[in-house]
């Protein structure tokens, strides 16, 4: 098949980077080299080679028994489109208003995308929300012999029944949970960009809701298709990487601008559409793969947790999402420690699934007294919680704690640590700073890293996407529900830690509360809730959160409304 035969819908005059004679096309790409070749862009300038690769990978996708193929398309396309002008065919509601990206397609190509999406809608009635589908179809049309062939390729991706793989979200719940997951990752790995978005937007979550469209829709064709190459080989995680890299470069450009627009969503979109003026594709991908993300398993756990939170809130169909700024209602919010503005800042740091909820005061020394016993009585049953401390010197600090204080009883009379890597500590006055789990910024602290990398770099089977190690794969293929077979997100049991101090998140006894461990806790509070100390902890790698020895003026504990007590 020549490149012209597989690209009848392409405007070849716009394909300026294409080298028609490079590289040599082997009969079949060795599966062990797919990952290396995809990242290097080996077939990026060979239309025919990319066509062969996509054919090889997509044919290997395990699909349900009855999956629409090219013959089905030929049979239904005339019946569905009829004598209507295909260029004016209404797109299905599930694309949520997404236009067909040009992607160097000619007029026939744009029309073909509309026909294919409409026919997919006919064959997949369960698809309720899939705004990136027109972009995926438009990209694959470049590397298909005809409309029917492209239809079959996309159907195979949609009908994949292998639980270890993930291609295209098809419901609002799945799409929304991916947006929340990206928001969580941006909060941890792009703190500068996240802070910029928080300061410039009334609805941070709404900005992140476009993250997949940044890649499949806004990126220029030669960028989007390079991402698609790697996505087919390595899986969904690469999309998070690329979108995070985009945010990092956007921030660099944004802070150099003297005049800044008030519409940051549009600014991000404009930056991505014109990204070639700022960042070459190779530099973008280098940045993406330099980000030391959580493992696929941890990301999957986080996504599962976000999906569960959406279900609990009844958000399962397309609707206006809760505004994170509205979660902290200025009129109703009252605290002796922080202002509503400061609480909004804290709310922008917490995991997305809890940002859906409003803060709820569950303990304050002003009303409940300086009693550790009463502290535990009030806080047990709530997870997570936020501790806020105001010292007699007007310093303000605190901690986000992921786990119910009742867990302290697991150690009996012995002081023992518990919690997860979602815990963090912070200071607000006289200056603002957040300190997260040390493993997030320094993953090299984990032991046996070379072994894990060896597993992740193991040879892949032909066309296999996102291969897991045997233990993870057996868990994923289990018939049990996710909550039964997988541990909580960022639980220490998922990590090979070289020091216990890095997992000393929170501990409590009748004599004290301790947050963070090592040579010194990040926060130590005595049994009278009257005095405390702070220092550099190995758990959070933090500076002292206030004066190293302090006296407490007010201590508050905040929970989250609409979360059922444990």
Protein backbone atom coordinates (compact mmCIF):
# COMPACT_ATOMS: atom_id res chain seq x y z
CA UNK A 1 0.00 0.00 0.00
CA UNK A 2 1.53 3.34 -0.99
CA UNK A 3 1.16 6.42 1.16
CA UNK A 4 -1.22 7.92 -1.42
CA UNK A 5 -3.44 4.82 -1.38
CA UNK A 6 -3.80 5.07 2.41
CA UNK A 7 -4.35 8.82 2.41
CA UNK A 8 -7.02 9.71 -0.10
CA UNK A 9 -8.55 12.10 2.43
CA UNK A 10 -5.32 14.00 3.06
CA UNK A 11 -4.39 17.43 1.71
CA UNK A 12 -0.84 16.48 0.83
CA UNK A 13 0.24 20.06 0.20
CA UNK A 14 -0.16 20.69 3.94
CA UNK A 15 1.93 17.66 4.93
CA UNK A 16 5.17 19.65 4.78
CA UNK A 17 7.16 17.44 7.16
CA UNK A 18 6.55 14.23 5.25
CA UNK A 19 9.53 12.49 3.67
CA UNK A 20 8.06 10.03 1.21
CA UNK A 21 11.18 7.87 0.95
CA UNK A 22 12.20 7.58 4.60
CA UNK A 23 12.56 5.32 6.50
CA UNK A 24 12.65 1.80 5.03
CA UNK A 25 9.42 -0.06 5.76
CA UNK A 26 9.95 -3.53 7.29
CA UNK A 27 7.27 -6.16 6.80
CA UNK A 28 6.60 -6.14 10.55
CA UNK A 29 7.97 -4.10 13.43
CA UNK A 30 9.46 -6.19 16.23
CA UNK A 31 7.30 -5.69 19.32
CA UNK A 32 10.38 -5.19 21.49
CA UNK A 33 11.27 -2.09 19.48
CA UNK A 34 7.80 -0.52 19.36
CA UNK A 35 8.23 1.57 22.50
CA UNK A 36 11.68 2.76 21.50
CA UNK A 37 10.59 3.57 17.95
CA UNK A 38 7.42 5.32 19.07
CA UNK A 39 9.27 7.65 21.42
CA UNK A 40 12.00 8.35 18.87
CA UNK A 41 9.47 9.13 16.15
CA UNK A 42 10.93 6.47 13.86
CA UNK A 43 7.89 6.42 11.61
CA UNK A 44 6.87 10.06 12.10
CA UNK A 45 7.85 11.04 8.55
CA UNK A 46 6.72 7.87 6.82
CA UNK A 47 3.00 7.72 6.13
CA UNK A 48 3.14 4.13 4.92
CA UNK A 49 5.16 2.88 7.90
CA UNK A 50 2.83 4.53 10.41
CA UNK A 51 -0.11 2.96 8.55
CA UNK A 52 1.47 -0.49 8.98
CA UNK A 53 2.20 0.10 12.66
CA UNK A 54 -1.33 1.22 13.44
CA UNK A 55 -2.72 -1.76 11.56
CA UNK A 56 -0.50 -4.12 13.55
CA UNK A 57 -1.36 -2.63 16.95
CA UNK A 58 -5.10 -2.22 16.45
CA UNK A 59 -5.56 -5.70 14.98
CA UNK A 60 -4.02 -7.13 18.15
CA UNK A 61 -6.58 -5.40 20.41
CA UNK A 62 -8.81 -7.92 22.15
CA UNK A 63 -12.44 -7.03 21.40
CA UNK A 64 -15.84 -8.30 22.34
CA UNK A 65 -17.27 -11.06 20.11
CA UNK A 66 -19.54 -8.83 18.03
CA UNK A 67 -17.56 -5.79 16.96
CA UNK A 68 -18.65 -3.77 13.91
CA UNK A 69 -16.20 -4.08 11.04
CA UNK A 70 -15.68 -2.54 7.60
CA UNK A 71 -18.47 -4.60 6.05
CA UNK A 72 -20.94 -3.31 8.61
CA UNK A 73 -20.01 0.24 7.71
CA UNK A 74 -20.54 -0.38 4.00
CA UNK A 75 -23.93 -1.83 4.79
CA UNK A 76 -25.21 0.95 7.09
CA UNK A 77 -23.61 4.18 5.87
CA UNK A 78 -26.07 4.72 3.02
CA UNK A 79 -29.06 3.88 5.19
CA UNK A 80 -27.98 6.30 7.94
CA UNK A 81 -26.81 9.24 5.85
CA UNK A 82 -29.38 8.69 3.09
CA UNK A 83 -29.53 11.41 0.47
CA UNK A 84 -28.62 14.12 2.96
CA UNK A 85 -25.65 16.37 2.38
CA UNK A 86 -23.06 14.58 4.50
CA UNK A 87 -21.25 17.85 5.24
CA UNK A 88 -24.30 19.06 7.18
CA UNK A 89 -24.95 15.84 9.10
CA UNK A 90 -25.62 16.68 12.76
CA UNK A 91 -22.99 15.20 15.06
CA UNK A 92 -24.12 12.99 17.96
CA UNK A 93 -24.77 14.71 21.28
CA UNK A 94 -22.00 12.70 22.94
CA UNK A 95 -19.29 14.76 21.16
CA UNK A 96 -20.48 17.69 23.32
CA UNK A 97 -20.05 20.27 20.57
CA UNK A 98 -16.54 19.21 19.55
CA UNK A 99 -15.74 20.22 15.98
CA UNK A 100 -13.90 18.01 13.51
CA UNK A 101 -10.22 19.10 13.64
CA UNK A 102 -8.81 19.94 10.22
CA UNK A 103 -5.63 17.89 10.75
CA UNK A 104 -4.50 18.44 7.11
CA UNK A 105 -7.59 16.65 5.81
CA UNK A 106 -9.19 17.69 2.54
CA UNK A 107 -12.90 18.46 2.17
CA UNK A 108 -13.73 14.80 1.54
CA UNK A 109 -11.83 13.88 4.68
CA UNK A 110 -13.80 16.25 6.91
CA UNK A 111 -17.06 14.88 5.51
CA UNK A 112 -15.82 11.30 5.99
CA UNK A 113 -15.11 11.96 9.69
CA UNK A 114 -18.68 13.16 10.23
CA UNK A 115 -20.11 10.07 8.50
CA UNK A 116 -17.92 7.70 10.51
CA UNK A 117 -18.80 9.33 13.86
CA UNK A 118 -22.52 9.20 13.02
CA UNK A 119 -22.26 5.50 12.09
CA UNK A 120 -20.34 4.78 15.30
CA UNK A 121 -23.17 6.43 17.21
CA UNK A 122 -25.57 4.01 15.52
CA UNK A 123 -23.51 0.94 16.44
CA UNK A 124 -22.55 2.03 19.97
CA UNK A 125 -25.76 3.31 21.61
CA UNK A 126 -24.14 3.08 25.07
CA UNK A 127 -21.68 5.90 24.30
CA UNK A 128 -23.02 8.88 26.23
CA UNK A 129 -20.05 11.26 26.35
CA UNK A 130 -17.01 11.18 24.07
CA UNK A 131 -15.86 14.66 23.01
CA UNK A 132 -12.48 13.47 21.67
CA UNK A 133 -13.94 10.92 19.24
CA UNK A 134 -13.99 13.27 16.17
CA UNK A 135 -10.28 13.99 16.70
CA UNK A 136 -9.38 10.30 17.05
CA UNK A 137 -11.33 9.46 13.89
CA UNK A 138 -9.70 12.35 12.01
CA UNK A 139 -6.22 11.17 12.98
CA UNK A 140 -6.85 7.54 12.08
CA UNK A 141 -8.45 8.50 8.75
CA UNK A 142 -4.97 9.55 7.61
CA UNK A 143 -3.84 5.94 7.98
CA UNK A 144 -6.84 4.04 6.64
CA UNK A 145 -7.54 2.73 3.14
CA UNK A 146 -11.06 4.16 3.17
CA UNK A 147 -13.90 5.22 5.47
CA UNK A 148 -14.86 1.62 6.23
CA UNK A 149 -11.32 0.74 7.29
CA UNK A 150 -11.15 3.76 9.61
CA UNK A 151 -14.56 2.86 11.05
CA UNK A 152 -13.34 -0.65 11.85
CA UNK A 153 -10.16 0.63 13.52
CA UNK A 154 -12.05 3.01 15.79
CA UNK A 155 -14.66 0.37 16.61
CA UNK A 156 -11.93 -2.00 17.77
CA UNK A 157 -10.61 0.66 20.14
CA UNK A 158 -14.10 1.33 21.48
CA UNK A 159 -14.93 -2.37 21.84
CA UNK A 160 -11.71 -3.38 23.59
CA UNK A 161 -12.57 -5.84 26.36
CA UNK A 162 -9.11 -6.20 27.91
CA UNK A 163 -9.34 -4.75 31.43
CA UNK A 164 -5.60 -3.98 31.47
CA UNK A 165 -6.02 -1.45 28.64
CA UNK A 166 -7.79 1.83 28.31
CA UNK A 167 -8.29 3.71 25.05
CA UNK A 168 -11.26 6.08 24.87
CA UNK A 169 -13.63 7.23 27.63
CA UNK A 170 -17.24 6.71 26.56
CA UNK A 171 -19.29 8.06 29.49
CA UNK A 172 -19.42 11.37 31.31
CA UNK A 173 -18.50 9.62 34.56
CA UNK A 174 -15.32 8.15 33.05
CA UNK A 175 -14.40 11.39 31.29
CA UNK A 176 -15.02 13.51 34.38
CA UNK A 177 -12.99 11.22 36.61
CA UNK A 178 -10.08 11.49 34.16
CA UNK A 179 -10.35 15.30 34.37
CA UNK A 180 -10.29 15.16 38.17
CA UNK A 181 -7.31 12.79 38.04
CA UNK A 182 -5.46 15.18 35.76
CA UNK A 183 -6.27 18.01 38.19
CA UNK A 184 -4.77 15.96 41.03
CA UNK A 185 -1.62 15.29 38.99
CA UNK A 186 -1.30 18.95 37.98
CA UNK A 187 -1.66 19.92 41.63
CA UNK A 188 1.31 17.70 42.48
CA UNK A 189 3.57 17.89 39.43
CA UNK A 190 2.84 21.37 38.02
CA UNK A 191 2.44 23.41 41.18
CA UNK A 192 3.54 26.65 39.50
CA UNK A 193 1.02 26.29 36.66
CA UNK A 194 -1.67 25.10 39.07
CA UNK A 195 -1.15 28.15 41.27
CA UNK A 196 -1.34 30.37 38.19
CA UNK A 197 -4.65 28.80 37.13
CA UNK A 198 -6.08 29.05 40.66
CA UNK A 199 -5.26 32.77 40.76
CA UNK A 200 -6.64 33.48 37.28
CA UNK A 201 -9.76 31.32 37.18
CA UNK A 202 -12.99 31.23 39.14
CA UNK A 203 -13.35 27.54 38.30
CA UNK A 204 -10.12 25.54 38.30
CA UNK A 205 -11.87 22.25 37.61
CA UNK A 206 -13.50 23.72 34.52
CA UNK A 207 -10.07 24.59 33.12
CA UNK A 208 -8.85 21.03 33.63
CA UNK A 209 -12.01 19.61 32.05
CA UNK A 210 -10.47 20.41 28.65
CA UNK A 211 -7.23 18.53 29.20
CA UNK A 212 -7.92 15.73 26.69
CA UNK A 213 -9.07 18.22 24.08
CA UNK A 214 -5.75 20.00 24.49
CA UNK A 215 -4.12 16.87 23.05
CA UNK A 216 -6.79 15.63 20.65
CA UNK A 217 -8.23 18.79 19.18
CA UNK A 218 -5.94 21.72 19.95
CA UNK A 219 -2.44 20.34 19.30
CA UNK A 220 -1.32 20.68 15.66
CA UNK A 221 -1.55 17.52 13.58
CA UNK A 222 2.17 16.64 13.63
CA UNK A 223 2.18 16.97 17.44
CA UNK A 224 -1.08 15.07 18.04
CA UNK A 225 -0.11 12.15 15.84
CA UNK A 226 3.26 11.77 17.60
CA UNK A 227 1.37 11.54 20.88
CA UNK A 228 -0.99 9.00 19.32
CA UNK A 229 2.02 6.87 18.27
CA UNK A 230 3.19 6.56 21.87
CA UNK A 231 -0.33 6.29 23.30
CA UNK A 232 -1.05 3.19 21.20
CA UNK A 233 2.13 1.54 22.48
CA UNK A 234 2.39 2.73 26.10
CA UNK A 235 -1.14 3.58 27.13
CA UNK A 236 -3.23 6.32 28.72
CA UNK A 237 -0.49 7.47 31.09
CA UNK A 238 1.35 9.20 28.24
CA UNK A 239 -1.63 11.52 27.74
CA UNK A 240 -1.29 12.73 31.34
CA UNK A 241 2.43 13.24 30.78
CA UNK A 242 1.99 15.31 27.63
CA UNK A 243 -0.78 17.48 29.09
CA UNK A 244 1.36 18.17 32.18
CA UNK A 245 4.30 19.11 29.95
CA UNK A 246 2.02 21.47 28.01
CA UNK A 247 1.04 23.17 31.28
CA UNK A 248 4.68 23.60 32.29
CA UNK A 249 5.56 25.29 28.99
CA UNK A 250 2.38 27.40 29.08
CA UNK A 251 3.37 28.80 32.47
CA UNK A 252 6.83 29.76 31.19
CA UNK A 253 5.31 31.67 28.30
CA UNK A 254 2.54 33.18 30.41
CA UNK A 255 4.79 34.67 33.10
CA UNK A 256 6.88 36.43 30.41
CA UNK A 257 3.83 38.18 28.97
CA UNK A 258 3.43 41.80 30.04
CA UNK A 259 -0.29 41.90 29.27
CA UNK A 260 -2.33 38.94 30.46
CA UNK A 261 -5.83 38.01 29.37
CA UNK A 262 -8.53 37.41 31.96
CA UNK A 263 -9.63 34.25 30.16
CA UNK A 264 -7.02 31.62 31.03
CA UNK A 265 -8.95 28.78 29.36
CA UNK A 266 -8.74 30.58 26.02
CA UNK A 267 -5.11 31.51 26.66
CA UNK A 268 -4.19 27.85 27.19
CA UNK A 269 -6.07 26.84 24.05
CA UNK A 270 -4.38 29.54 21.97
CA UNK A 271 -0.97 28.56 23.31
CA UNK A 272 -1.52 24.90 22.42
CA UNK A 273 -2.82 25.67 18.94
CA UNK A 274 0.28 27.79 18.31
CA UNK A 275 2.68 25.63 20.30
CA UNK A 276 4.99 25.19 17.30
CA UNK A 277 6.07 28.82 17.78
CA UNK A 278 7.30 28.04 21.29
CA UNK A 279 8.18 24.35 21.73
CA UNK A 280 9.29 21.72 19.15
CA UNK A 281 7.53 18.39 19.46
CA UNK A 282 10.73 16.62 20.54
CA UNK A 283 11.25 19.08 23.39
CA UNK A 284 7.63 18.67 24.47
CA UNK A 285 7.98 14.88 24.57
CA UNK A 286 11.33 15.10 26.39
CA UNK A 287 9.68 17.22 29.06
CA UNK A 288 6.73 14.82 29.27
CA UNK A 289 8.96 11.81 29.92
CA UNK A 290 11.13 13.68 32.41
CA UNK A 291 8.13 13.94 34.77
CA UNK A 292 8.37 11.18 37.36
CA UNK A 293 4.71 10.23 37.55
CA UNK A 294 3.05 7.73 39.85
CA UNK A 295 2.83 4.16 38.58
CA UNK A 296 -0.05 3.12 36.32
CA UNK A 297 -1.52 1.26 39.27
CA UNK A 298 -1.52 4.36 41.50
CA UNK A 299 -3.08 6.48 38.74
CA UNK A 300 -5.74 3.84 38.23
CA UNK A 301 -6.48 3.81 41.98
CA UNK A 302 -6.76 7.59 41.98
CA UNK A 303 -9.10 7.52 39.01
CA UNK A 304 -11.23 4.84 40.69
CA UNK A 305 -11.43 6.99 43.83
CA UNK A 306 -12.49 10.03 41.79
CA UNK A 307 -15.14 8.03 39.97
CA UNK A 308 -16.50 6.72 43.27
CA UNK A 309 -16.69 10.29 44.64
CA UNK A 310 -18.64 11.44 41.57
CA UNK A 311 -21.11 8.58 42.01
CA UNK A 312 -21.58 9.46 45.67
CA UNK A 313 -22.34 13.04 44.65
CA UNK A 314 -24.78 11.82 42.00
CA UNK A 315 -22.67 13.30 39.17
CA UNK A 316 -22.93 10.61 36.52
CA UNK A 317 -24.29 12.53 33.53
CA UNK A 318 -23.18 15.74 31.83
CA UNK A 319 -23.94 18.68 34.10
CA UNK A 320 -22.39 21.85 35.47
CA UNK A 321 -19.63 20.80 37.81
CA UNK A 322 -19.39 22.19 41.33
CA UNK A 323 -17.19 25.27 41.38
CA UNK A 324 -14.22 24.79 43.70
CA UNK A 325 -14.40 28.44 44.77
CA UNK A 326 -18.08 28.06 45.64
CA UNK A 327 -17.19 25.11 47.90
CA UNK A 328 -15.87 27.68 50.36
CA UNK A 329 -18.85 29.98 50.66
CA UNK A 330 -17.71 33.45 51.77
CA UNK A 331 -20.97 34.25 53.54
CA UNK A 332 -21.22 30.99 55.48
CA UNK A 333 -17.54 30.28 56.15
CA UNK A 334 -16.36 31.25 59.64
CA UNK A 335 -13.00 30.39 61.12
CA UNK A 336 -10.85 31.93 63.84
CA UNK A 337 -7.70 30.70 62.10
CA UNK A 338 -8.01 31.38 58.36
CA UNK A 339 -9.94 33.68 56.04
CA UNK A 340 -12.25 32.38 53.32
CA UNK A 341 -9.57 33.33 50.77
CA UNK A 342 -6.95 31.28 52.62
CA UNK A 343 -9.34 28.33 52.91
CA UNK A 344 -9.91 28.50 49.16
CA UNK A 345 -6.15 28.26 48.71
CA UNK A 346 -6.07 25.14 50.91
CA UNK A 347 -9.04 23.76 48.94
CA UNK A 348 -7.04 24.12 45.72
CA UNK A 349 -4.41 21.79 47.20
CA UNK A 350 -6.66 18.94 48.29
CA UNK A 351 -7.54 15.95 46.04
CA UNK A 352 -10.20 16.73 43.44
CA UNK A 353 -12.66 14.18 44.82
CA UNK A 354 -12.88 16.10 48.10
CA UNK A 355 -12.84 19.53 46.48
CA UNK A 356 -16.40 18.63 45.42
CA UNK A 357 -17.44 19.02 49.07
CA UNK A 358 -17.83 21.97 51.39
CA UNK A 359 -15.71 22.42 54.53
CA UNK A 360 -17.34 21.51 57.83
CA UNK A 361 -15.96 22.48 61.24
CA UNK A 362 -15.90 19.41 63.47
CA UNK A 363 -13.63 20.55 66.32
CA UNK A 364 -12.35 23.85 67.70
CA UNK A 365 -10.57 24.56 70.94
CA UNK A 366 -12.72 27.69 71.31
CA UNK A 367 -15.91 25.62 71.71
CA UNK A 368 -14.67 22.12 72.58
CA UNK A 369 -11.83 23.04 74.90
CA UNK A 370 -8.15 22.10 74.96
CA UNK A 371 -8.75 18.39 75.31
CA UNK A 372 -7.09 15.68 73.23
CA UNK A 373 -9.72 13.18 74.35
CA UNK A 374 -12.47 15.42 72.98
CA UNK A 375 -10.38 16.00 69.85
CA UNK A 376 -10.41 12.27 69.10
CA UNK A 377 -14.09 11.92 70.02
CA UNK A 378 -15.05 14.67 67.56
CA UNK A 379 -12.72 13.63 64.73
CA UNK A 380 -13.15 9.86 64.70
CA UNK A 381 -15.35 8.79 61.82
CA UNK A 382 -14.22 11.59 59.53
CA UNK A 383 -11.82 11.03 56.66
CA UNK A 384 -9.98 13.08 55.50
CA UNK A 385 -9.52 16.03 57.87
CA UNK A 386 -7.63 19.33 57.90
CA UNK A 387 -5.94 20.62 61.06
CA UNK A 388 -5.48 24.41 61.30
CA UNK A 389 -3.32 25.97 64.01
CA UNK A 390 -2.96 29.61 64.98
CA UNK A 391 -0.14 30.31 67.43
CA UNK A 392 0.00 33.05 70.04
CA UNK A 393 2.48 34.79 67.68
CA UNK A 394 -0.24 34.90 64.96
CA UNK A 395 1.53 32.26 62.86
CA UNK A 396 -0.76 29.89 60.94
CA UNK A 397 0.07 26.34 59.86
CA UNK A 398 -1.63 22.99 59.50
CA UNK A 399 -1.93 19.62 57.82
CA UNK A 400 -4.17 17.70 55.45
CA UNK A 401 -4.58 14.19 56.88
CA UNK A 402 -5.89 11.42 54.66
CA UNK A 403 -6.94 8.87 57.27
CA UNK A 404 -9.47 8.57 60.10
CA UNK A 405 -7.93 9.13 63.53
CA UNK A 406 -9.59 5.92 64.72
CA UNK A 407 -6.77 4.05 62.94
CA UNK A 408 -4.45 5.01 65.82
CA UNK A 409 -6.12 2.24 67.85
CA UNK A 410 -4.64 -0.42 65.56
CA UNK A 411 -1.38 -0.13 67.45
CA UNK A 412 -2.98 -0.80 70.84
CA UNK A 413 -1.12 1.12 73.53
CA UNK A 414 1.88 1.53 71.27
CA UNK A 415 2.29 4.76 69.31
CA UNK A 416 2.18 3.76 65.64
CA UNK A 417 2.02 5.71 62.41
CA UNK A 418 -0.70 5.44 59.78
CA UNK A 419 -2.02 7.46 56.83
CA UNK A 420 -1.15 7.62 53.13
CA UNK A 421 0.99 9.64 50.74
CA UNK A 422 -1.85 12.10 50.14
CA UNK A 423 -1.08 13.74 53.50
CA UNK A 424 0.69 17.08 53.41
CA UNK A 425 1.63 19.91 55.78
CA UNK A 426 1.60 23.64 55.14
CA UNK A 427 2.08 27.12 56.54
CA UNK A 428 -0.04 30.16 55.69
CA UNK A 429 1.23 33.02 57.88
CA UNK A 430 3.55 34.84 57.67
CA UNK A 431 4.11 33.18 54.30
CA UNK A 432 2.40 30.41 52.34
CA UNK A 433 4.06 27.08 51.54
CA UNK A 434 2.90 23.48 51.10
CA UNK A 435 5.05 20.39 51.71
CA UNK A 436 3.92 17.09 50.21
CA UNK A 437 5.10 13.56 50.75
CA UNK A 438 8.82 13.44 49.98
CA UNK A 439 8.36 10.50 47.57
CA UNK A 440 6.35 12.68 45.16
CA UNK A 441 9.27 15.03 44.50
CA UNK A 442 12.02 12.51 45.17
CA UNK A 443 10.90 9.10 43.83
CA UNK A 444 14.54 7.97 43.83
CA UNK A 445 14.16 7.41 47.58
CA UNK A 446 12.26 4.21 46.77
CA UNK A 447 14.29 1.01 46.92
CA UNK A 448 14.34 -1.70 44.26
CA UNK A 449 13.69 0.93 41.62
CA UNK A 450 15.79 -0.86 39.02
CA UNK A 451 13.67 -3.98 39.47
CA UNK A 452 10.45 -2.06 38.90
CA UNK A 453 11.92 -0.36 35.85
CA UNK A 454 12.97 -3.73 34.50
CA UNK A 455 9.37 -4.88 34.82
CA UNK A 456 8.02 -1.79 33.10
CA UNK A 457 10.59 -2.07 30.30
CA UNK A 458 9.95 -5.79 29.75
CA UNK A 459 9.36 -6.82 26.11
CA UNK A 460 5.78 -6.26 25.04
CA UNK A 461 3.63 -8.61 23.08
CA UNK A 462 2.68 -7.44 19.57
CA UNK A 463 0.14 -4.67 19.78
CA UNK A 464 -0.06 -4.82 23.57
CA UNK A 465 -0.84 -1.52 25.25
CA UNK A 466 0.20 -0.73 28.81
CA UNK A 467 1.61 -4.11 29.87
CA UNK A 468 1.55 -4.60 33.65
CA UNK A 469 3.74 -6.79 35.83
CA UNK A 470 2.27 -10.25 36.59
CA UNK A 471 1.02 -9.33 40.08
CA UNK A 472 -0.81 -6.20 38.89
CA UNK A 473 -2.20 -8.04 35.88
CA UNK A 474 -3.60 -10.83 38.05
CA UNK A 475 -5.27 -8.22 40.26
CA UNK A 476 -6.74 -6.44 37.27
CA UNK A 477 -8.09 -9.63 35.75
CA UNK A 478 -9.74 -10.60 39.02
CA UNK A 479 -13.53 -10.75 39.06
CA UNK A 480 -13.64 -8.86 42.35
CA UNK A 481 -14.66 -5.21 42.53
CA UNK A 482 -11.77 -2.68 42.50
CA UNK A 483 -12.37 -1.70 46.13
CA UNK A 484 -11.93 -5.33 47.16
CA UNK A 485 -8.76 -6.07 45.24
CA UNK A 486 -6.76 -2.84 45.37
CA UNK A 487 -5.41 -0.90 48.33
CA UNK A 488 -6.06 2.82 48.88
CA UNK A 489 -4.33 5.37 46.68
CA UNK A 490 -0.71 6.09 47.75
CA UNK A 491 -0.73 3.48 50.50
CA UNK A 492 2.82 2.78 51.67
CA UNK A 493 2.45 -0.92 50.87
CA UNK A 494 2.65 0.02 47.18
CA UNK A 495 6.14 1.46 47.61
CA UNK A 496 9.54 -0.04 48.40
CA UNK A 497 10.68 2.56 50.93
CA UNK A 498 14.28 2.68 52.15
CA UNK A 499 13.36 4.32 55.45
CA UNK A 500 10.37 4.04 57.78
CA UNK A 501 10.66 7.77 58.38
CA UNK A 502 9.36 8.46 54.89
CA UNK A 503 6.05 6.81 55.79
CA UNK A 504 5.47 8.41 59.17
CA UNK A 505 2.40 10.41 58.16
CA UNK A 506 0.33 10.71 61.35
CA UNK A 507 0.21 9.18 64.82
CA UNK A 508 -1.78 9.78 67.98
CA UNK A 509 -1.86 8.66 71.59
CA UNK A 510 -3.36 9.92 74.84
CA UNK A 511 -0.26 12.08 75.30
CA UNK A 512 0.25 13.70 71.88
CA UNK A 513 -0.42 14.09 68.18
CA UNK A 514 2.48 13.65 65.75
CA UNK A 515 2.49 14.49 62.02
CA UNK A 516 5.57 13.58 60.00
CA UNK A 517 8.56 11.66 61.29
CA UNK A 518 12.30 11.17 61.19
CA UNK A 519 14.73 13.11 63.32
CA UNK A 520 11.96 15.59 64.05
CA UNK A 521 8.20 15.65 63.42
CA UNK A 522 6.71 18.26 61.10
CA UNK A 523 4.17 18.91 63.85
CA UNK A 524 4.08 17.73 67.46
CA UNK A 525 1.11 18.76 69.66
CA UNK A 526 0.97 17.91 73.35
CA UNK A 527 -1.91 16.19 75.11
CA UNK A 528 -3.34 19.47 76.36
CA UNK A 529 -3.51 20.92 72.84
CA UNK A 530 -1.62 23.83 74.30
CA UNK A 531 1.98 23.63 73.11
CA UNK A 532 3.79 22.18 70.14
CA UNK A 533 6.99 21.94 68.16
CA UNK A 534 7.84 21.86 64.48
CA UNK A 535 10.95 20.94 62.54
CA UNK A 536 12.32 19.28 59.43
CA UNK A 537 10.66 15.87 58.97
CA UNK A 538 11.88 13.12 56.66
CA UNK A 539 8.28 12.40 55.65
CA UNK A 540 7.60 15.81 54.07
CA UNK A 541 11.12 17.26 53.74
CA UNK A 542 9.69 20.47 55.18
CA UNK A 543 11.11 23.55 56.80
CA UNK A 544 9.68 24.44 60.22
CA UNK A 545 6.05 25.46 59.76
CA UNK A 546 6.25 28.26 62.35
CA UNK A 547 8.40 29.02 65.40
CA UNK A 548 10.08 25.74 66.31
CA UNK A 549 8.47 25.82 69.76
CA UNK A 550 5.06 27.43 69.87
CA UNK A 551 1.98 27.93 72.01
CA UNK A 552 -1.45 27.28 70.46
CA UNK A 553 -4.00 30.08 70.43
CA UNK A 554 -6.68 28.24 68.43
CA UNK A 555 -6.76 24.76 66.89
CA UNK A 556 -9.51 23.79 64.44
CA UNK A 557 -10.28 20.56 62.61
CA UNK A 558 -12.28 20.65 59.40
CA UNK A 559 -14.01 17.77 57.66
CA UNK A 560 -15.89 17.52 54.38
CA UNK A 561 -19.65 17.76 54.01
CA UNK A 562 -21.53 15.08 52.06
CA UNK A 563 -18.98 12.39 52.89
CA UNK A 564 -20.50 9.58 54.91
CA UNK A 565 -18.69 9.09 58.25
CA UNK A 566 -16.79 5.80 58.43
